[in-house]
Amino acid sequence: MPYTQDIVEELNILVRYNLSTTQEGIKVHKTAAPEIIAATRRLFDKGLITLEDGGYLTDLGHEAAEQAQTVLNLLTPS
């Protein structure tokens, strides 16, 4: 199954998290693009982040963000 645009947008949110600390989250403001707001809400609904507008990664979210960042690093030319 190929990536949908919704999945790509969710992955783009996940790769914004700093994985070197659990004390740093993100905040998606209500003035952000609608697709970013929607992707963040979907990640919250899936239990990957703590708040509808960002917050911190859950344990599952941390695992997903690690994998998303690994794939991005592998696919990004040096």
Protein backbone atom coordinates (compact mmCIF):
# COMPACT_ATOMS: atom_id res chain seq x y z
CA MET A 1 0.00 0.00 0.00
CA PRO A 2 1.53 3.38 -0.98
CA TYR A 3 1.73 6.37 1.34
CA THR A 4 -1.33 8.59 1.26
CA GLN A 5 -1.05 12.35 1.53
CA ASP A 6 -2.42 12.11 5.09
CA ILE A 7 0.37 9.68 6.06
CA VAL A 8 3.02 11.90 4.49
CA GLU A 9 1.71 14.88 6.45
CA GLU A 10 1.76 12.85 9.68
CA LEU A 11 5.32 11.71 8.99
CA ASN A 12 6.32 15.33 8.41
CA ILE A 13 5.02 16.17 11.89
CA LEU A 14 6.81 13.22 13.49
CA VAL A 15 10.19 14.15 12.02
CA ARG A 16 9.96 17.58 13.68
CA TYR A 17 10.33 16.07 17.15
CA ASN A 18 13.72 16.14 18.84
CA LEU A 19 14.36 12.53 19.83
CA SER A 20 17.36 13.30 22.01
CA THR A 21 15.08 14.50 24.84
CA THR A 22 11.62 13.69 26.16
CA GLN A 23 11.34 17.21 27.61
CA GLU A 24 10.84 18.95 24.27
CA GLY A 25 7.53 18.93 22.44
CA ILE A 26 5.99 20.90 19.62
CA LYS A 27 3.07 23.31 19.40
CA VAL A 28 0.97 23.62 16.26
CA HIS A 29 -0.73 27.00 16.31
CA LYS A 30 -4.27 27.53 15.07
CA THR A 31 -2.83 29.74 12.33
CA ALA A 32 -0.88 26.79 10.85
CA ALA A 33 -1.90 25.33 7.52
CA PRO A 34 -5.10 23.25 7.79
CA GLU A 35 -3.31 20.08 6.66
CA ILE A 36 -0.75 20.45 9.48
CA ILE A 37 -3.49 20.96 12.05
CA ALA A 38 -5.37 17.94 10.72
CA ALA A 39 -2.25 15.74 10.69
CA THR A 40 -1.48 16.68 14.29
CA ARG A 41 -5.02 15.83 15.37
CA ARG A 42 -4.78 12.45 13.62
CA LEU A 43 -1.52 11.69 15.44
CA PHE A 44 -3.25 12.54 18.72
CA ASP A 45 -6.22 10.32 17.83
CA LYS A 46 -3.79 7.49 17.09
CA GLY A 47 -2.16 7.90 20.49
CA LEU A 48 1.21 9.06 19.15
CA ILE A 49 1.23 12.52 20.76
CA THR A 50 -0.16 13.88 24.01
CA LEU A 51 -2.18 16.87 22.79
CA GLU A 52 -4.37 17.65 19.78
CA ASP A 53 -2.08 20.57 18.93
CA GLY A 54 1.21 18.77 19.47
CA GLY A 55 2.61 18.33 22.93
CA TYR A 56 4.98 15.46 23.58
CA LEU A 57 5.46 12.09 21.98
CA THR A 58 3.92 9.11 23.73
CA ASP A 59 6.03 5.94 23.98
CA LEU A 60 4.39 4.68 20.79
CA GLY A 61 4.89 8.08 19.18
CA HIS A 62 8.58 8.07 20.08
CA GLU A 63 8.98 4.70 18.39
CA ALA A 64 7.11 5.94 15.29
CA ALA A 65 9.15 9.16 15.18
CA GLU A 66 12.41 7.19 15.43
CA GLN A 67 11.40 5.02 12.51
CA ALA A 68 10.16 7.99 10.46
CA GLN A 69 13.41 9.85 11.05
CA THR A 70 15.48 6.77 10.19
CA VAL A 71 13.66 6.32 6.88
CA LEU A 72 14.04 10.03 6.09
CA ASN A 73 17.78 9.86 6.81
CA LEU A 74 18.18 6.80 4.61
CA LEU A 75 16.33 8.40 1.70
CA THR A 76 17.93 11.83 1.96
CA PRO A 77 21.07 12.18 -0.17
CA SER A 78 24.20 13.10 1.77
